[in-house]
Amino acid sequence: MQEEEDHGVTAENGIAVVLAQPGGEENRVFGVLAGRPPGSDWDEEVVPGAYWELDQTKDECKFDPKDLKHRRGRFPVQATGISYGGGQEVSTSETKRLLASPSIIRIAGYANYAFQTWAPRLYDAYVHTMDELYARNPQLRPNFDNSIFASATINFGPSAACFPHVDELNMPYRWCAITALGDFDPARGGHLVLWDLKMIIEFPAGSTILIPSATIRHSNIPV
C-alpha cells in the first residue's frame, strides 16, 4: 500500500490495518485492510483453489448481456444471495457449485471473521437484521453458513478492472468485503483505489479489504 500521510495510514501486506478518517475528537474507523490469515496453506492451496474454481465456473456459465456490460465495468459478473429490487434471480447451478467450494467457503469465513473482529457492533446489527429477515422469510438461504453477508457479486477475470463507482443499493454505513483473486504481481496492478480519500492500496491475491462501498467511490487498477 502507498502511504498517505494526510490520513495517517500505513500498511504491510498481510497485516490488518484500520482505515481511520481524522475528525472531531476521535478517529472514525471506516474500513479495514484485513490482509489474510496466517498459515502457508492459504497461498499454496486456498487462493489457487478459489481462482481455479472461478475459471471453471466462468467457462460453464451463460451470461446475460447485462452481466457483461454494467456500471462496474466490462467483465462478466454474477450476483448471488439475498437482495431487494435488483432484479436478482435464483442462483444458477454453476454458481451454487462455486459457493460450495471449500476454498471459497474459507475465504468467505475469513471475511466474516475480520468483520466481526474489527466492527463488532456493526456486525451485531447485521446479525439482528438477517435473523429478522430469515424469521419472516424462512425460504431464504444465505450464500454461506459461515458468513453474515446477505449477498455477493462474483467478478470473473481474466482482468476484472472496475470503473470508479459506489454500490448505491447497499446501506451507506454498512461494510462490504472485497477479496482479490488471480495470478498477478500486486506491485504492478490490481491496486484498490479509494478516490474520495486519495488512496491507492496494493491488493495481493488472497487479501481481503472491508469498506462502506455505498459511500466511498472505489475502483481497481487493471492487472
Protein backbone atom coordinates (compact mmCIF):
# COMPACT_ATOMS: atom_id res chain seq x y z
CA MET A 1 0.00 0.00 0.00
CA GLN A 2 1.11 3.53 -0.67
CA GLU A 3 1.34 5.60 2.50
CA GLU A 4 -0.99 8.60 2.66
CA GLU A 5 0.22 10.96 5.37
CA ASP A 6 -2.98 13.05 5.23
CA HIS A 7 -4.91 10.04 6.52
CA GLY A 8 -2.25 8.54 8.75
CA VAL A 9 -2.37 5.13 7.10
CA THR A 10 0.48 2.70 6.61
CA ALA A 11 0.25 -0.97 5.78
CA GLU A 12 2.26 -4.12 5.38
CA ASN A 13 0.98 -6.91 3.15
CA GLY A 14 -0.96 -9.43 5.19
CA ILE A 15 -1.32 -7.17 8.25
CA ALA A 16 -4.73 -5.89 9.33
CA VAL A 17 -4.70 -2.08 9.34
CA VAL A 18 -7.59 0.20 10.25
CA LEU A 19 -8.55 2.94 7.83
CA ALA A 20 -9.32 5.87 10.14
CA GLN A 21 -10.53 9.26 9.00
CA PRO A 22 -9.43 12.10 11.33
CA GLY A 23 -12.40 14.09 12.56
CA GLY A 24 -13.50 15.77 15.77
CA GLU A 25 -12.15 14.34 19.00
CA GLU A 26 -11.54 10.84 17.71
CA ASN A 27 -10.68 8.98 14.55
CA ARG A 28 -13.61 7.37 12.80
CA VAL A 29 -12.90 3.81 11.69
CA PHE A 30 -14.42 3.33 8.26
CA GLY A 31 -12.70 0.22 6.95
CA VAL A 32 -10.03 -2.40 7.41
CA LEU A 33 -7.21 -3.80 5.32
CA ALA A 34 -7.76 -7.26 6.74
CA GLY A 35 -4.96 -8.96 4.82
CA ARG A 36 -5.01 -12.74 5.04
CA PRO A 37 -4.98 -15.37 7.79
CA PRO A 38 -1.67 -16.96 8.85
CA GLY A 39 -0.65 -20.35 7.50
CA SER A 40 1.12 -21.45 4.35
CA ASP A 41 -1.90 -23.34 3.01
CA TRP A 42 -3.70 -20.04 2.32
CA ASP A 43 -1.35 -19.07 -0.51
CA GLU A 44 -0.47 -22.62 -1.54
CA GLU A 45 -3.96 -24.18 -1.56
CA VAL A 46 -6.86 -21.85 -0.74
CA VAL A 47 -6.13 -18.94 -3.09
CA PRO A 48 -5.10 -21.05 -6.13
CA GLY A 49 -8.06 -23.36 -5.48
CA ALA A 50 -10.53 -20.47 -5.40
CA TYR A 51 -9.06 -18.95 -8.57
CA TRP A 52 -9.30 -22.30 -10.36
CA GLU A 53 -12.94 -22.64 -9.29
CA LEU A 54 -13.69 -19.16 -10.65
CA ASP A 55 -12.15 -20.04 -14.01
CA GLN A 56 -14.13 -23.29 -14.21
CA THR A 57 -17.39 -21.55 -13.31
CA LYS A 58 -16.82 -18.79 -15.86
CA ASP A 59 -16.37 -21.37 -18.63
CA GLU A 60 -19.63 -23.10 -17.65
CA CYS A 61 -21.83 -20.01 -17.11
CA LYS A 62 -24.16 -18.47 -19.67
CA PHE A 63 -24.05 -14.72 -19.11
CA ASP A 64 -26.84 -12.29 -19.99
CA PRO A 65 -25.80 -9.07 -21.79
CA LYS A 66 -26.38 -7.15 -18.53
CA ASP A 67 -23.81 -9.40 -16.85
CA LEU A 68 -21.12 -8.46 -19.38
CA LYS A 69 -21.63 -4.69 -19.66
CA HIS A 70 -22.65 -2.97 -16.44
CA ARG A 71 -21.94 0.03 -14.21
CA ARG A 72 -18.91 -1.62 -12.59
CA GLY A 73 -17.08 -2.34 -15.83
CA ARG A 74 -16.82 -4.55 -18.89
CA PHE A 75 -16.26 -8.03 -17.49
CA PRO A 76 -18.56 -10.95 -16.57
CA VAL A 77 -20.31 -10.81 -13.19
CA GLN A 78 -22.78 -12.97 -11.30
CA ALA A 79 -24.78 -11.69 -8.32
CA THR A 80 -25.99 -14.26 -5.82
CA GLY A 81 -27.73 -14.21 -2.46
CA ILE A 82 -30.48 -12.12 -0.89
CA SER A 83 -31.34 -8.65 -2.19
CA TYR A 84 -34.37 -6.49 -2.89
CA GLY A 85 -35.24 -4.62 -6.05
CA GLY A 86 -32.13 -5.53 -8.04
CA GLY A 87 -33.74 -7.94 -10.45
CA GLN A 88 -31.76 -10.78 -8.93
CA GLU A 89 -32.84 -14.29 -9.87
CA VAL A 90 -32.29 -17.69 -8.28
CA SER A 91 -28.63 -18.71 -8.33
CA THR A 92 -27.61 -20.97 -11.19
CA SER A 93 -26.32 -24.49 -10.58
CA GLU A 94 -22.85 -23.30 -11.64
CA THR A 95 -22.88 -20.51 -9.06
CA LYS A 96 -24.17 -22.85 -6.36
CA ARG A 97 -21.31 -25.24 -7.10
CA LEU A 98 -18.81 -22.38 -6.84
CA LEU A 99 -20.22 -21.32 -3.46
CA ALA A 100 -19.84 -24.91 -2.23
CA SER A 101 -16.10 -24.89 -2.98
CA PRO A 102 -14.04 -25.39 0.22
CA SER A 103 -11.63 -22.64 -0.87
CA ILE A 104 -14.42 -20.13 -1.49
CA ILE A 105 -16.08 -21.06 1.82
CA ARG A 106 -12.82 -20.42 3.69
CA ILE A 107 -12.41 -17.01 2.05
CA ALA A 108 -15.99 -16.11 2.98
CA GLY A 109 -15.36 -17.26 6.54
CA TYR A 110 -12.22 -15.15 6.87
CA ALA A 111 -14.03 -12.04 5.60
CA ASN A 112 -16.77 -12.70 8.16
CA TYR A 113 -14.20 -13.17 10.94
CA ALA A 114 -12.41 -9.93 10.03
CA PHE A 115 -15.70 -8.02 10.00
CA GLN A 116 -16.74 -9.41 13.40
CA THR A 117 -13.31 -8.63 14.86
CA TRP A 118 -12.93 -5.05 13.65
CA ALA A 119 -16.55 -3.82 13.74
CA PRO A 120 -18.36 -5.93 16.36
CA ARG A 121 -21.30 -3.56 16.91
CA LEU A 122 -21.92 -3.19 13.19
CA TYR A 123 -21.59 -6.97 12.82
CA ASP A 124 -24.21 -7.48 15.54
CA ALA A 125 -26.54 -5.15 13.62
CA TYR A 126 -26.11 -7.39 10.57
CA VAL A 127 -26.93 -10.46 12.68
CA HIS A 128 -30.09 -8.81 14.04
CA THR A 129 -31.22 -7.74 10.55
CA MET A 130 -30.62 -11.15 9.00
CA ASP A 131 -32.27 -13.02 11.89
CA GLU A 132 -35.41 -10.91 11.43
CA LEU A 133 -35.34 -11.45 7.67
CA TYR A 134 -34.99 -15.23 7.97
CA ALA A 135 -37.77 -15.34 10.60
CA ARG A 136 -40.15 -13.57 8.22
CA ASN A 137 -38.98 -15.43 5.11
CA PRO A 138 -37.95 -18.98 6.11
CA GLN A 139 -37.39 -19.95 2.46
CA LEU A 140 -34.39 -17.62 2.19
CA ARG A 141 -30.93 -19.15 2.44
CA PRO A 142 -27.54 -17.50 2.92
CA ASN A 143 -24.73 -17.96 0.43
CA PHE A 144 -22.53 -19.37 3.20
CA ASP A 145 -23.27 -20.81 6.63
CA ASN A 146 -20.09 -19.16 7.96
CA SER A 147 -20.84 -15.62 6.76
CA ILE A 148 -23.35 -12.96 7.81
CA PHE A 149 -23.26 -11.15 4.46
CA ALA A 150 -26.58 -11.39 2.62
CA SER A 151 -25.27 -11.40 -0.92
CA ALA A 152 -22.17 -11.47 -3.09
CA THR A 153 -21.11 -10.35 -6.54
CA ILE A 154 -18.58 -12.52 -8.34
CA ASN A 155 -16.30 -10.63 -10.73
CA PHE A 156 -14.85 -13.02 -13.31
CA GLY A 157 -11.49 -12.41 -14.97
CA PRO A 158 -9.10 -12.63 -16.56
CA SER A 159 -8.95 -8.89 -15.82
CA ALA A 160 -11.84 -7.51 -13.77
CA ALA A 161 -10.98 -3.80 -13.79
CA CYS A 162 -13.82 -1.83 -12.17
CA PHE A 163 -14.79 1.71 -13.12
CA PRO A 164 -14.94 4.23 -10.25
CA HIS A 165 -18.30 3.57 -8.62
CA VAL A 166 -20.29 3.23 -5.42
CA ASP A 167 -22.64 0.36 -4.63
CA GLU A 168 -25.70 2.53 -4.18
CA LEU A 169 -28.06 -0.31 -3.26
CA ASN A 170 -26.07 -1.01 -0.09
CA MET A 171 -26.75 0.88 3.14
CA PRO A 172 -24.34 3.85 3.35
CA TYR A 173 -22.68 2.93 6.65
CA ARG A 174 -22.51 -0.83 6.21
CA TRP A 175 -19.37 -2.64 5.16
CA CYS A 176 -18.66 -4.75 2.10
CA ALA A 177 -15.88 -7.35 1.97
CA ILE A 178 -13.71 -7.36 -1.16
CA THR A 179 -11.27 -10.22 -1.82
CA ALA A 180 -8.72 -10.19 -4.64
CA LEU A 181 -8.06 -13.38 -6.62
CA GLY A 182 -5.92 -14.17 -9.63
CA ASP A 183 -2.35 -14.70 -10.75
CA PHE A 184 -0.71 -11.27 -10.92
CA ASP A 185 2.07 -9.10 -9.50
CA PRO A 186 0.37 -6.82 -6.91
CA ALA A 187 3.16 -4.25 -7.27
CA ARG A 188 2.31 -3.79 -10.96
CA GLY A 189 -1.50 -3.87 -10.92
CA GLY A 190 -4.69 -4.86 -9.15
CA HIS A 191 -4.49 -1.95 -6.68
CA LEU A 192 -7.70 -0.81 -4.99
CA VAL A 193 -8.30 2.92 -5.47
CA LEU A 194 -10.38 4.86 -2.91
CA TRP A 195 -10.97 8.05 -4.87
CA ASP A 196 -12.54 10.26 -2.22
CA LEU A 197 -9.66 9.52 0.16
CA LYS A 198 -6.91 9.77 -2.49
CA MET A 199 -5.66 6.29 -1.53
CA ILE A 200 -4.10 3.64 -3.76
CA ILE A 201 -3.81 0.31 -1.94
CA GLU A 202 -1.66 -2.62 -3.02
CA PHE A 203 -4.04 -5.59 -3.02
CA PRO A 204 -2.38 -9.03 -3.36
CA ALA A 205 -4.42 -12.07 -4.35
CA GLY A 206 -5.97 -13.73 -1.31
CA SER A 207 -6.21 -10.50 0.68
CA THR A 208 -9.48 -9.01 1.94
CA ILE A 209 -10.45 -5.36 2.44
CA LEU A 210 -13.64 -4.11 4.12
CA ILE A 211 -15.09 -0.69 3.22
CA PRO A 212 -18.51 1.03 3.16
CA SER A 213 -18.85 0.50 -0.59
CA ALA A 214 -22.03 2.61 -0.89
CA THR A 215 -20.20 5.66 0.47
CA ILE A 216 -16.62 5.50 -0.79
CA ARG A 217 -16.04 5.74 -4.54
CA HIS A 218 -13.72 2.89 -5.48
CA SER A 219 -12.21 1.10 -8.45
CA ASN A 220 -9.23 -1.10 -9.21
CA ILE A 221 -6.23 -0.85 -11.49
CA PRO A 222 -6.02 -3.46 -14.31
CA VAL A 223 -3.52 -6.30 -13.94
